[in-house]
Amino acid sequence: MRRRAASILRRVEKGHGFASDLLRQDDTPFVRELVMGVLRRRGTLDAVHDGFSRRPAADLDDDVRQAIRIGLYQLLFLDGVPPHALVSETVDVLGPKSKRAYANGVLRAIQRECKKIDPELDRGGASPRKRFERKGRAVFFFSREVFPDPTKDLAGWLAAVHSHPIDLVRRWLEQVGEQGTIERMEQGNAIPQMILRPRAGRCTAVELAAALRDEQIPSQVLSREHGLDALIAAPGKSPLFSGKAYRKGLFSVQDSSQMDAAELLAPQPGEVLWDACAAPGGKATQLAELLQGSGRVVASDADGTRLKRIEENVQRLGLDNIDVVEHDALSESP
């Protein structure tokens, strides 16, 4: 699983795709957590590495960099990972002995020189350069200074601790101050809820909840003032994307705010609509459903690879009033 996560992370960093497209339906929750978690927190992970090595993470071989990030993510952000697995099984994703030796040495040094305590036991007083808090879950103390000095470089310290681009942090500090910046970064790092949009015309939110319950996937109805109700799904005993409800096209994954956009457009029967940057297809398929089989939706995108996801969803949802076209909306040709 760690090998699979490392492979996806390498491809994302090289610009060969988005994580959401590279992750497969059969990828385990652990793989998804590693991939999305490392991408969300890589700034913090690299800062911790750099505090324990003379070689900056940016200069490491890509394979080594991803393996170390995966190991550190397990150490700082996941509970219940056995200490031996955190290092040895992570290092196993590397091939050459030299790569394995470096990753093993750095991870074991950090693991050995890092103390984890419950937040309730934190008495404060530690240098902010050596302290990292996973809010409400754990506090870590490092033997070495891993973060910038906030008294000299507040933006750099915030960017490293909260894993956000430093230019963005500087802009926010000017606009909303330190507390407002921290609130924005915490919201940005929050794990989004899994929101499901019932396939209009096939099932309601209540009916979808019942179907998921049969698959031992818990959910709750999300009431929406201006549109159809959706569902908030939680991890269950069965994989969400390989179950009967998914295969039958009973739902799509889509954030509620994205649903609002399509519903505010209020498509009318017989209209022809164009989604010029459609991948992965959430709003385009929603618009097609709202047209109730009439009219047409043209879903275009410049990325032919990502268009395949739209085509798969169109077929799964049983939509026959949507055309998927590879097209760059900024090009001069029609």
C-alpha atoms as a PDB file:
ATOM      1  CA  MET A   1       0.000   0.000   0.000  1.00  0.00           C
ATOM      2  CA  ARG A   2       2.850   2.382   0.803  1.00  0.00           C
ATOM      3  CA  ARG A   3       4.456   1.497  -2.526  1.00  0.00           C
ATOM      4  CA  ARG A   4       1.236   2.367  -4.334  1.00  0.00           C
ATOM      5  CA  ALA A   5       0.968   5.684  -2.471  1.00  0.00           C
ATOM      6  CA  ALA A   6       4.587   6.544  -3.291  1.00  0.00           C
ATOM      7  CA  SER A   7       3.982   5.836  -6.976  1.00  0.00           C
ATOM      8  CA  ILE A   8       0.996   8.189  -7.086  1.00  0.00           C
ATOM      9  CA  LEU A   9       2.857  10.920  -5.220  1.00  0.00           C
ATOM     10  CA  ARG A  10       5.776  10.729  -7.648  1.00  0.00           C
ATOM     11  CA  ARG A  11       3.459  11.121 -10.625  1.00  0.00           C
ATOM     12  CA  VAL A  12       1.643  14.068  -9.052  1.00  0.00           C
ATOM     13  CA  GLU A  13       4.902  15.871  -8.262  1.00  0.00           C
ATOM     14  CA  LYS A  14       6.152  15.357 -11.824  1.00  0.00           C
ATOM     15  CA  GLY A  15       2.940  16.857 -13.194  1.00  0.00           C
ATOM     16  CA  HIS A  16       1.677  13.600 -14.670  1.00  0.00           C
ATOM     17  CA  GLY A  17      -1.799  13.877 -13.199  1.00  0.00           C
ATOM     18  CA  PHE A  18      -3.961  14.906 -10.275  1.00  0.00           C
ATOM     19  CA  ALA A  19      -4.251  12.676  -7.226  1.00  0.00           C
ATOM     20  CA  SER A  20      -8.027  12.521  -7.615  1.00  0.00           C
ATOM     21  CA  ASP A  21      -7.582  11.097 -11.109  1.00  0.00           C
ATOM     22  CA  LEU A  22      -4.674   8.763 -10.302  1.00  0.00           C
ATOM     23  CA  LEU A  23      -6.350   7.133  -7.311  1.00  0.00           C
ATOM     24  CA  ARG A  24      -8.359   4.089  -8.394  1.00  0.00           C
ATOM     25  CA  GLN A  25     -11.698   2.936  -7.078  1.00  0.00           C
ATOM     26  CA  ASP A  26     -10.051  -0.139  -5.555  1.00  0.00           C
ATOM     27  CA  ASP A  27      -7.383   1.839  -3.683  1.00  0.00           C
ATOM     28  CA  THR A  28      -7.734   1.281   0.058  1.00  0.00           C
ATOM     29  CA  PRO A  29      -8.628   4.067   2.515  1.00  0.00           C
ATOM     30  CA  PHE A  30      -5.060   3.825   3.846  1.00  0.00           C
ATOM     31  CA  VAL A  31      -3.595   4.546   0.410  1.00  0.00           C
ATOM     32  CA  ARG A  32      -5.974   7.475  -0.050  1.00  0.00           C
ATOM     33  CA  GLU A  33      -5.088   8.841   3.380  1.00  0.00           C
ATOM     34  CA  LEU A  34      -1.358   8.645   2.675  1.00  0.00           C
ATOM     35  CA  VAL A  35      -1.640  10.292  -0.738  1.00  0.00           C
ATOM     36  CA  MET A  36      -3.986  13.113   0.201  1.00  0.00           C
ATOM     37  CA  GLY A  37      -2.396  13.615   3.613  1.00  0.00           C
ATOM     38  CA  VAL A  38       1.150  13.902   2.266  1.00  0.00           C
ATOM     39  CA  LEU A  39       0.037  16.346  -0.428  1.00  0.00           C
ATOM     40  CA  ARG A  40      -1.815  18.417   2.160  1.00  0.00           C
ATOM     41  CA  ARG A  41       1.062  18.442   4.674  1.00  0.00           C
ATOM     42  CA  ARG A  42       4.239  18.134   2.616  1.00  0.00           C
ATOM     43  CA  GLY A  43       5.473  21.590   3.658  1.00  0.00           C
ATOM     44  CA  THR A  44       5.488  20.550   7.310  1.00  0.00           C
ATOM     45  CA  LEU A  45       6.979  17.140   6.526  1.00  0.00           C
ATOM     46  CA  ASP A  46       9.825  18.666   4.527  1.00  0.00           C
ATOM     47  CA  ALA A  47      10.563  21.165   7.309  1.00  0.00           C
ATOM     48  CA  VAL A  48      10.887  18.354   9.846  1.00  0.00           C
ATOM     49  CA  HIS A  49      13.166  16.401   7.503  1.00  0.00           C
ATOM     50  CA  ASP A  50      15.352  19.425   6.838  1.00  0.00           C
ATOM     51  CA  GLY A  51      15.824  19.934  10.573  1.00  0.00           C
ATOM     52  CA  PHE A  52      17.420  16.496  10.832  1.00  0.00           C
ATOM     53  CA  SER A  53      19.453  16.404   7.624  1.00  0.00           C
ATOM     54  CA  ARG A  54      22.101  18.456   5.857  1.00  0.00           C
ATOM     55  CA  ARG A  55      20.400  17.617   2.556  1.00  0.00           C
ATOM     56  CA  PRO A  56      17.232  19.668   1.904  1.00  0.00           C
ATOM     57  CA  ALA A  57      14.184  17.637   0.921  1.00  0.00           C
ATOM     58  CA  ALA A  58      14.043  19.601  -2.337  1.00  0.00           C
ATOM     59  CA  ASP A  59      17.441  18.157  -3.335  1.00  0.00           C
ATOM     60  CA  LEU A  60      16.620  14.518  -2.596  1.00  0.00           C
ATOM     61  CA  ASP A  61      15.962  11.853  -5.176  1.00  0.00           C
ATOM     62  CA  ASP A  62      12.208  11.888  -5.812  1.00  0.00           C
ATOM     63  CA  ASP A  63      11.753   8.288  -4.645  1.00  0.00           C
ATOM     64  CA  VAL A  64      13.525   9.011  -1.367  1.00  0.00           C
ATOM     65  CA  ARG A  65      11.646  12.261  -0.812  1.00  0.00           C
ATOM     66  CA  GLN A  66       8.251  10.601  -1.190  1.00  0.00           C
ATOM     67  CA  ALA A  67       9.192   7.669   1.045  1.00  0.00           C
ATOM     68  CA  ILE A  68      10.364  10.012   3.813  1.00  0.00           C
ATOM     69  CA  ARG A  69       7.219  12.099   3.507  1.00  0.00           C
ATOM     70  CA  ILE A  70       5.095   8.967   3.824  1.00  0.00           C
ATOM     71  CA  GLY A  71       7.027   7.870   6.897  1.00  0.00           C
ATOM     72  CA  LEU A  72       6.806  11.269   8.579  1.00  0.00           C
ATOM     73  CA  TYR A  73       3.099  11.590   7.783  1.00  0.00           C
ATOM     74  CA  GLN A  74       2.466   8.329   9.605  1.00  0.00           C
ATOM     75  CA  LEU A  75       4.543   9.529  12.565  1.00  0.00           C
ATOM     76  CA  LEU A  76       2.884  12.946  12.914  1.00  0.00           C
ATOM     77  CA  PHE A  77      -0.639  12.521  11.593  1.00  0.00           C
ATOM     78  CA  LEU A  78      -1.724   8.888  11.921  1.00  0.00           C
ATOM     79  CA  ASP A  79      -2.454   7.003  15.115  1.00  0.00           C
ATOM     80  CA  GLY A  80      -2.050   3.275  15.576  1.00  0.00           C
ATOM     81  CA  VAL A  81       0.734   2.655  13.053  1.00  0.00           C
ATOM     82  CA  PRO A  82       3.226   0.232  14.694  1.00  0.00           C
ATOM     83  CA  PRO A  83       6.625   1.911  15.192  1.00  0.00           C
ATOM     84  CA  HIS A  84       8.448  -0.808  13.265  1.00  0.00           C
ATOM     85  CA  ALA A  85       6.043  -0.499  10.318  1.00  0.00           C
ATOM     86  CA  LEU A  86       6.399   3.261  10.271  1.00  0.00           C
ATOM     87  CA  VAL A  87      10.056   2.952   9.284  1.00  0.00           C
ATOM     88  CA  SER A  88      10.794  -0.516   7.941  1.00  0.00           C
ATOM     89  CA  GLU A  89       7.717  -0.959   5.751  1.00  0.00           C
ATOM     90  CA  THR A  90       8.057   2.591   4.456  1.00  0.00           C
ATOM     91  CA  VAL A  91      11.715   2.107   3.567  1.00  0.00           C
ATOM     92  CA  ASP A  92      10.767  -1.114   1.766  1.00  0.00           C
ATOM     93  CA  VAL A  93       9.232   0.949  -1.054  1.00  0.00           C
ATOM     94  CA  LEU A  94      12.773   1.930  -2.076  1.00  0.00           C
ATOM     95  CA  GLY A  95      14.979  -0.301  -4.173  1.00  0.00           C
ATOM     96  CA  PRO A  96      18.694   0.578  -4.111  1.00  0.00           C
ATOM     97  CA  LYS A  97      20.470   0.006  -0.812  1.00  0.00           C
ATOM     98  CA  SER A  98      21.871   3.549  -0.741  1.00  0.00           C
ATOM     99  CA  LYS A  99      18.391   5.043  -0.921  1.00  0.00           C
ATOM    100  CA  ARG A 100      17.085   2.697   1.739  1.00  0.00           C
ATOM    101  CA  ALA A 101      20.006   3.476   4.048  1.00  0.00           C
ATOM    102  CA  TYR A 102      19.468   7.233   3.890  1.00  0.00           C
ATOM    103  CA  ALA A 103      15.694   7.071   4.396  1.00  0.00           C
ATOM    104  CA  ASN A 104      16.064   4.548   7.201  1.00  0.00           C
ATOM    105  CA  GLY A 105      18.657   6.678   8.989  1.00  0.00           C
ATOM    106  CA  VAL A 106      16.685   9.923   8.809  1.00  0.00           C
ATOM    107  CA  LEU A 107      13.341   8.388   9.796  1.00  0.00           C
ATOM    108  CA  ARG A 108      14.822   6.503  12.741  1.00  0.00           C
ATOM    109  CA  ALA A 109      16.633   9.627  13.953  1.00  0.00           C
ATOM    110  CA  ILE A 110      13.434  11.676  13.854  1.00  0.00           C
ATOM    111  CA  GLN A 111      11.440   8.888  15.470  1.00  0.00           C
ATOM    112  CA  ARG A 112      14.033   8.549  18.231  1.00  0.00           C
ATOM    113  CA  GLU A 113      14.322  12.300  18.866  1.00  0.00           C
ATOM    114  CA  CYS A 114      10.617  13.131  18.787  1.00  0.00           C
ATOM    115  CA  LYS A 115       8.390  13.015  21.857  1.00  0.00           C
ATOM    116  CA  LYS A 116       4.611  12.767  21.522  1.00  0.00           C
ATOM    117  CA  ILE A 117       2.225  13.716  24.340  1.00  0.00           C
ATOM    118  CA  ASP A 118      -1.489  14.319  24.874  1.00  0.00           C
ATOM    119  CA  PRO A 119      -2.459  18.005  24.446  1.00  0.00           C
ATOM    120  CA  GLU A 120      -3.854  18.033  27.995  1.00  0.00           C
ATOM    121  CA  LEU A 121      -0.371  17.301  29.314  1.00  0.00           C
ATOM    122  CA  ASP A 122       1.270  20.141  27.407  1.00  0.00           C
ATOM    123  CA  ARG A 123       2.529  22.749  29.895  1.00  0.00           C
ATOM    124  CA  GLY A 124       3.839  25.088  27.231  1.00  0.00           C
ATOM    125  CA  GLY A 125       7.195  26.792  27.330  1.00  0.00           C
ATOM    126  CA  ALA A 126       8.790  24.820  24.504  1.00  0.00           C
ATOM    127  CA  SER A 127      10.404  26.685  21.649  1.00  0.00           C
ATOM    128  CA  PRO A 128       7.973  27.102  18.727  1.00  0.00           C
ATOM    129  CA  ARG A 129      10.862  26.002  16.531  1.00  0.00           C
ATOM    130  CA  LYS A 130      10.827  22.567  18.184  1.00  0.00           C
ATOM    131  CA  ARG A 131       7.115  22.126  18.820  1.00  0.00           C
ATOM    132  CA  PHE A 132       4.338  20.897  16.532  1.00  0.00           C
ATOM    133  CA  GLU A 133       0.698  20.460  17.549  1.00  0.00           C
ATOM    134  CA  ARG A 134      -1.852  18.317  15.798  1.00  0.00           C
ATOM    135  CA  LYS A 135      -4.752  20.306  17.111  1.00  0.00           C
ATOM    136  CA  GLY A 136      -6.763  18.429  19.709  1.00  0.00           C
ATOM    137  CA  ARG A 137      -4.935  15.153  19.073  1.00  0.00           C
ATOM    138  CA  ALA A 138      -1.246  15.324  19.979  1.00  0.00           C
ATOM    139  CA  VAL A 139       1.725  17.584  20.615  1.00  0.00           C
ATOM    140  CA  PHE A 140       5.199  16.724  19.335  1.00  0.00           C
ATOM    141  CA  PHE A 141       8.518  17.976  20.640  1.00  0.00           C
ATOM    142  CA  PHE A 142      11.656  17.644  18.522  1.00  0.00           C
ATOM    143  CA  SER A 143      15.197  17.624  19.875  1.00  0.00           C
ATOM    144  CA  ARG A 144      16.271  19.979  17.094  1.00  0.00           C
ATOM    145  CA  GLU A 145      14.941  23.209  15.654  1.00  0.00           C
ATOM    146  CA  VAL A 146      12.889  22.298  12.591  1.00  0.00           C
ATOM    147  CA  PHE A 147      10.778  25.428  11.992  1.00  0.00           C
ATOM    148  CA  PRO A 148      11.754  29.062  11.320  1.00  0.00           C
ATOM    149  CA  ASP A 149      11.897  31.511  14.221  1.00  0.00           C
ATOM    150  CA  PRO A 150       8.439  33.194  14.358  1.00  0.00           C
ATOM    151  CA  THR A 151       9.884  36.312  15.996  1.00  0.00           C
ATOM    152  CA  LYS A 152      12.057  36.876  12.924  1.00  0.00           C
ATOM    153  CA  ASP A 153      10.032  35.204  10.168  1.00  0.00           C
ATOM    154  CA  LEU A 154       6.382  34.843  11.134  1.00  0.00           C
ATOM    155  CA  ALA A 155       5.261  34.052   7.583  1.00  0.00           C
ATOM    156  CA  GLY A 156       7.930  31.356   7.220  1.00  0.00           C
ATOM    157  CA  TRP A 157       7.001  29.763  10.539  1.00  0.00           C
ATOM    158  CA  LEU A 158       3.275  29.748   9.743  1.00  0.00           C
ATOM    159  CA  ALA A 159       3.906  28.408   6.237  1.00  0.00           C
ATOM    160  CA  ALA A 160       5.995  25.508   7.588  1.00  0.00           C
ATOM    161  CA  VAL A 161       3.760  24.601  10.534  1.00  0.00           C
ATOM    162  CA  HIS A 162       0.544  24.792   8.509  1.00  0.00           C
ATOM    163  CA  SER A 163       2.001  23.674   5.165  1.00  0.00           C
ATOM    164  CA  HIS A 164       0.849  26.580   3.002  1.00  0.00           C
ATOM    165  CA  PRO A 165       2.690  28.537   0.255  1.00  0.00           C
ATOM    166  CA  ILE A 166       4.642  31.323   1.895  1.00  0.00           C
ATOM    167  CA  ASP A 167       3.551  33.959  -0.655  1.00  0.00           C
ATOM    168  CA  LEU A 168      -0.078  33.194   0.158  1.00  0.00           C
ATOM    169  CA  VAL A 169       0.649  33.370   3.893  1.00  0.00           C
ATOM    170  CA  ARG A 170       2.286  36.783   3.499  1.00  0.00           C
ATOM    171  CA  ARG A 171      -0.703  38.067   1.544  1.00  0.00           C
ATOM    172  CA  TRP A 172      -3.144  36.817   4.158  1.00  0.00           C
ATOM    173  CA  LEU A 173      -1.099  38.335   6.996  1.00  0.00           C
ATOM    174  CA  GLU A 174      -1.417  41.717   5.307  1.00  0.00           C
ATOM    175  CA  GLN A 175      -5.131  41.271   4.670  1.00  0.00           C
ATOM    176  CA  VAL A 176      -6.516  39.578   7.793  1.00  0.00           C
ATOM    177  CA  GLY A 177      -3.705  39.452  10.363  1.00  0.00           C
ATOM    178  CA  GLU A 178      -2.147  36.508  12.147  1.00  0.00           C
ATOM    179  CA  GLN A 179      -5.278  34.989  13.699  1.00  0.00           C
ATOM    180  CA  GLY A 180      -7.286  35.303  10.511  1.00  0.00           C
ATOM    181  CA  THR A 181      -4.442  33.695   8.573  1.00  0.00           C
ATOM    182  CA  ILE A 182      -4.255  30.780  11.008  1.00  0.00           C
ATOM    183  CA  GLU A 183      -8.019  30.248  10.721  1.00  0.00           C
ATOM    184  CA  ARG A 184      -7.814  30.155   6.939  1.00  0.00           C
ATOM    185  CA  MET A 185      -4.934  27.683   6.992  1.00  0.00           C
ATOM    186  CA  GLU A 186      -6.695  25.414   9.474  1.00  0.00           C
ATOM    187  CA  GLN A 187      -9.777  25.401   7.270  1.00  0.00           C
ATOM    188  CA  GLY A 188      -7.602  24.667   4.257  1.00  0.00           C
ATOM    189  CA  ASN A 189      -6.054  21.666   6.007  1.00  0.00           C
ATOM    190  CA  ALA A 190      -9.363  20.272   7.247  1.00  0.00           C
ATOM    191  CA  ILE A 191     -10.274  16.929   5.694  1.00  0.00           C
ATOM    192  CA  PRO A 192     -13.380  17.554   3.585  1.00  0.00           C
ATOM    193  CA  GLN A 193     -16.532  15.594   4.187  1.00  0.00           C
ATOM    194  CA  MET A 194     -17.574  12.980   1.655  1.00  0.00           C
ATOM    195  CA  ILE A 195     -20.673  14.558   0.101  1.00  0.00           C
ATOM    196  CA  LEU A 196     -22.821  12.453  -2.216  1.00  0.00           C
ATOM    197  CA  ARG A 197     -25.286  13.878  -4.719  1.00  0.00           C
ATOM    198  CA  PRO A 198     -28.167  11.453  -5.356  1.00  0.00           C
ATOM    199  CA  ARG A 199     -28.740  10.791  -9.044  1.00  0.00           C
ATOM    200  CA  ALA A 200     -31.795  12.947  -9.815  1.00  0.00           C
ATOM    201  CA  GLY A 201     -34.603  10.837 -11.219  1.00  0.00           C
ATOM    202  CA  ARG A 202     -33.195   7.600  -9.788  1.00  0.00           C
ATOM    203  CA  CYS A 203     -33.276   8.080  -6.038  1.00  0.00           C
ATOM    204  CA  THR A 204     -33.711  10.587  -3.248  1.00  0.00           C
ATOM    205  CA  ALA A 205     -31.255  11.216  -0.437  1.00  0.00           C
ATOM    206  CA  VAL A 206     -33.339   9.055   1.901  1.00  0.00           C
ATOM    207  CA  GLU A 207     -33.448   6.199  -0.619  1.00  0.00           C
ATOM    208  CA  LEU A 208     -29.698   6.473  -1.213  1.00  0.00           C
ATOM    209  CA  ALA A 209     -29.061   6.367   2.544  1.00  0.00           C
ATOM    210  CA  ALA A 210     -31.065   3.150   2.740  1.00  0.00           C
ATOM    211  CA  ALA A 211     -29.092   1.615  -0.126  1.00  0.00           C
ATOM    212  CA  LEU A 212     -25.802   2.501   1.541  1.00  0.00           C
ATOM    213  CA  ARG A 213     -27.048   1.135   4.853  1.00  0.00           C
ATOM    214  CA  ASP A 214     -27.490  -2.239   3.161  1.00  0.00           C
ATOM    215  CA  GLU A 215     -23.785  -2.041   2.273  1.00  0.00           C
ATOM    216  CA  GLN A 216     -22.897  -1.113   5.877  1.00  0.00           C
ATOM    217  CA  ILE A 217     -21.877   2.407   4.902  1.00  0.00           C
ATOM    218  CA  PRO A 218     -23.196   4.981   7.402  1.00  0.00           C
ATOM    219  CA  SER A 219     -24.497   8.313   6.155  1.00  0.00           C
ATOM    220  CA  GLN A 220     -26.721  11.199   7.114  1.00  0.00           C
ATOM    221  CA  VAL A 221     -28.962  13.454   5.052  1.00  0.00           C
ATOM    222  CA  LEU A 222     -27.609  16.909   4.301  1.00  0.00           C
ATOM    223  CA  SER A 223     -30.586  19.262   3.944  1.00  0.00           C
ATOM    224  CA  ARG A 224     -30.081  21.935   1.312  1.00  0.00           C
ATOM    225  CA  GLU A 225     -32.250  25.030   1.253  1.00  0.00           C
ATOM    226  CA  HIS A 226     -32.193  25.725  -2.471  1.00  0.00           C
ATOM    227  CA  GLY A 227     -31.732  22.280  -4.004  1.00  0.00           C
ATOM    228  CA  LEU A 228     -32.098  18.556  -3.657  1.00  0.00           C
ATOM    229  CA  ASP A 229     -30.890  17.057  -0.392  1.00  0.00           C
ATOM    230  CA  ALA A 230     -27.514  15.313  -0.414  1.00  0.00           C
ATOM    231  CA  LEU A 231     -25.744  12.825   1.877  1.00  0.00           C
ATOM    232  CA  ILE A 232     -22.705  12.977   4.118  1.00  0.00           C
ATOM    233  CA  ALA A 233     -21.074   9.539   3.960  1.00  0.00           C
ATOM    234  CA  ALA A 234     -18.717   8.113   6.571  1.00  0.00           C
ATOM    235  CA  PRO A 235     -16.220   5.260   6.193  1.00  0.00           C
ATOM    236  CA  GLY A 236     -17.983   1.911   6.395  1.00  0.00           C
ATOM    237  CA  LYS A 237     -17.229  -1.782   6.329  1.00  0.00           C
ATOM    238  CA  SER A 238     -17.557  -1.879   2.548  1.00  0.00           C
ATOM    239  CA  PRO A 239     -15.690   0.250  -0.033  1.00  0.00           C
ATOM    240  CA  LEU A 240     -17.936   3.071  -1.231  1.00  0.00           C
ATOM    241  CA  PHE A 241     -16.739   3.023  -4.835  1.00  0.00           C
ATOM    242  CA  SER A 242     -17.081  -0.686  -5.508  1.00  0.00           C
ATOM    243  CA  GLY A 243     -20.522  -1.239  -4.008  1.00  0.00           C
ATOM    244  CA  LYS A 244     -23.880  -1.724  -5.700  1.00  0.00           C
ATOM    245  CA  ALA A 245     -25.067   1.837  -5.145  1.00  0.00           C
ATOM    246  CA  TYR A 246     -22.053   3.263  -6.947  1.00  0.00           C
ATOM    247  CA  ARG A 247     -22.154   0.746  -9.802  1.00  0.00           C
ATOM    248  CA  LYS A 248     -25.875   1.393 -10.291  1.00  0.00           C
ATOM    249  CA  GLY A 249     -25.179   5.098 -10.677  1.00  0.00           C
ATOM    250  CA  LEU A 250     -27.184   6.157  -7.645  1.00  0.00           C
ATOM    251  CA  PHE A 251     -24.829   8.979  -6.692  1.00  0.00           C
ATOM    252  CA  SER A 252     -21.918  11.221  -7.590  1.00  0.00           C
ATOM    253  CA  VAL A 253     -19.338  12.707  -5.248  1.00  0.00           C
ATOM    254  CA  GLN A 254     -19.730  16.475  -5.239  1.00  0.00           C
ATOM    255  CA  ASP A 255     -19.344  19.265  -2.720  1.00  0.00           C
ATOM    256  CA  SER A 256     -22.518  21.086  -1.773  1.00  0.00           C
ATOM    257  CA  SER A 257     -21.161  24.447  -2.968  1.00  0.00           C
ATOM    258  CA  GLN A 258     -20.576  22.945  -6.421  1.00  0.00           C
ATOM    259  CA  MET A 259     -24.156  21.707  -6.459  1.00  0.00           C
ATOM    260  CA  ASP A 260     -25.265  25.261  -5.700  1.00  0.00           C
ATOM    261  CA  ALA A 261     -23.532  26.550  -8.831  1.00  0.00           C
ATOM    262  CA  ALA A 262     -25.416  24.231 -11.177  1.00  0.00           C
ATOM    263  CA  GLU A 263     -28.739  24.859  -9.444  1.00  0.00           C
ATOM    264  CA  LEU A 264     -28.297  28.648  -9.520  1.00  0.00           C
ATOM    265  CA  LEU A 265     -27.939  28.363 -13.283  1.00  0.00           C
ATOM    266  CA  ALA A 266     -31.454  26.836 -13.251  1.00  0.00           C
ATOM    267  CA  PRO A 267     -31.298  25.056 -16.633  1.00  0.00           C
ATOM    268  CA  GLN A 268     -34.600  24.894 -18.488  1.00  0.00           C
ATOM    269  CA  PRO A 269     -35.864  21.944 -20.567  1.00  0.00           C
ATOM    270  CA  GLY A 270     -34.512  22.035 -24.108  1.00  0.00           C
ATOM    271  CA  GLU A 271     -31.565  24.351 -23.398  1.00  0.00           C
ATOM    272  CA  VAL A 272     -28.055  23.610 -24.636  1.00  0.00           C
ATOM    273  CA  LEU A 273     -25.392  24.254 -21.982  1.00  0.00           C
ATOM    274  CA  TRP A 274     -21.607  24.314 -22.221  1.00  0.00           C
ATOM    275  CA  ASP A 275     -19.293  23.420 -19.338  1.00  0.00           C
ATOM    276  CA  ALA A 276     -15.988  24.722 -20.702  1.00  0.00           C
ATOM    277  CA  CYS A 277     -13.719  23.192 -18.043  1.00  0.00           C
ATOM    278  CA  ALA A 278     -15.735  20.143 -17.136  1.00  0.00           C
ATOM    279  CA  ALA A 279     -13.378  17.512 -15.677  1.00  0.00           C
ATOM    280  CA  PRO A 280     -14.052  15.538 -13.567  1.00  0.00           C
ATOM    281  CA  GLY A 281     -17.681  16.168 -14.530  1.00  0.00           C
ATOM    282  CA  GLY A 282     -19.636  16.843 -11.341  1.00  0.00           C
ATOM    283  CA  LYS A 283     -21.450  19.977 -12.492  1.00  0.00           C
ATOM    284  CA  ALA A 284     -21.792  18.785 -16.099  1.00  0.00           C
ATOM    285  CA  THR A 285     -23.562  15.560 -15.099  1.00  0.00           C
ATOM    286  CA  GLN A 286     -25.674  17.448 -12.558  1.00  0.00           C
ATOM    287  CA  LEU A 287     -26.817  19.870 -15.267  1.00  0.00           C
ATOM    288  CA  ALA A 288     -27.677  16.949 -17.536  1.00  0.00           C
ATOM    289  CA  GLU A 289     -29.748  15.412 -14.747  1.00  0.00           C
ATOM    290  CA  LEU A 290     -31.539  18.727 -14.107  1.00  0.00           C
ATOM    291  CA  LEU A 291     -32.509  18.894 -17.796  1.00  0.00           C
ATOM    292  CA  GLN A 292     -34.427  15.630 -17.216  1.00  0.00           C
ATOM    293  CA  GLY A 293     -33.392  14.059 -20.505  1.00  0.00           C
ATOM    294  CA  SER A 294     -34.145  17.098 -22.665  1.00  0.00           C
ATOM    295  CA  GLY A 295     -31.689  19.590 -24.137  1.00  0.00           C
ATOM    296  CA  ARG A 296     -27.983  18.870 -24.116  1.00  0.00           C
ATOM    297  CA  VAL A 297     -24.845  19.543 -22.115  1.00  0.00           C
ATOM    298  CA  VAL A 298     -21.505  19.929 -23.881  1.00  0.00           C
ATOM    299  CA  ALA A 299     -18.746  18.961 -21.436  1.00  0.00           C
ATOM    300  CA  SER A 300     -15.324  19.995 -22.711  1.00  0.00           C
ATOM    301  CA  ASP A 301     -11.852  20.013 -21.224  1.00  0.00           C
ATOM    302  CA  ALA A 302      -8.326  20.431 -22.568  1.00  0.00           C
ATOM    303  CA  ASP A 303      -7.121  17.309 -20.733  1.00  0.00           C
ATOM    304  CA  GLY A 304      -8.138  14.232 -22.699  1.00  0.00           C
ATOM    305  CA  THR A 305      -7.057  11.913 -19.888  1.00  0.00           C
ATOM    306  CA  ARG A 306      -9.373  13.580 -17.381  1.00  0.00           C
ATOM    307  CA  LEU A 307     -12.221  13.453 -19.887  1.00  0.00           C
ATOM    308  CA  LYS A 308     -12.215   9.678 -19.547  1.00  0.00           C
ATOM    309  CA  ARG A 309     -13.482  10.125 -15.980  1.00  0.00           C
ATOM    310  CA  ILE A 310     -16.422  12.138 -17.292  1.00  0.00           C
ATOM    311  CA  GLU A 311     -17.215   9.490 -19.882  1.00  0.00           C
ATOM    312  CA  GLU A 312     -17.146   6.779 -17.225  1.00  0.00           C
ATOM    313  CA  ASN A 313     -19.500   8.755 -14.995  1.00  0.00           C
ATOM    314  CA  VAL A 314     -21.850   9.604 -17.873  1.00  0.00           C
ATOM    315  CA  GLN A 315     -22.190   5.913 -18.655  1.00  0.00           C
ATOM    316  CA  ARG A 316     -22.545   4.904 -15.003  1.00  0.00           C
ATOM    317  CA  LEU A 317     -25.235   7.544 -14.397  1.00  0.00           C
ATOM    318  CA  GLY A 318     -27.108   6.579 -17.554  1.00  0.00           C
ATOM    319  CA  LEU A 319     -27.102  10.039 -19.131  1.00  0.00           C
ATOM    320  CA  ASP A 320     -27.780  10.319 -22.869  1.00  0.00           C
ATOM    321  CA  ASN A 321     -28.016  14.100 -23.154  1.00  0.00           C
ATOM    322  CA  ILE A 322     -24.359  14.997 -22.611  1.00  0.00           C
ATOM    323  CA  ASP A 323     -21.548  15.242 -25.156  1.00  0.00           C
ATOM    324  CA  VAL A 324     -17.931  14.910 -23.941  1.00  0.00           C
ATOM    325  CA  VAL A 325     -15.462  16.824 -26.116  1.00  0.00           C
ATOM    326  CA  GLU A 326     -11.722  17.435 -25.844  1.00  0.00           C
ATOM    327  CA  HIS A 327     -11.303  21.172 -26.358  1.00  0.00           C
ATOM    328  CA  ASP A 328      -9.224  24.017 -24.970  1.00  0.00           C
ATOM    329  CA  ALA A 329     -11.642  26.836 -24.162  1.00  0.00           C
ATOM    330  CA  LEU A 330      -8.827  29.387 -24.543  1.00  0.00           C
ATOM    331  CA  SER A 331      -7.967  28.298 -28.087  1.00  0.00           C
ATOM    332  CA  GLU A 332      -9.145  30.249 -31.099  1.00  0.00           C
ATOM    333  CA  SER A 333     -10.576  27.256 -32.935  1.00  0.00           C
ATOM    334  CA  PRO A 334     -14.167  26.264 -32.123  1.00  0.00           C
END
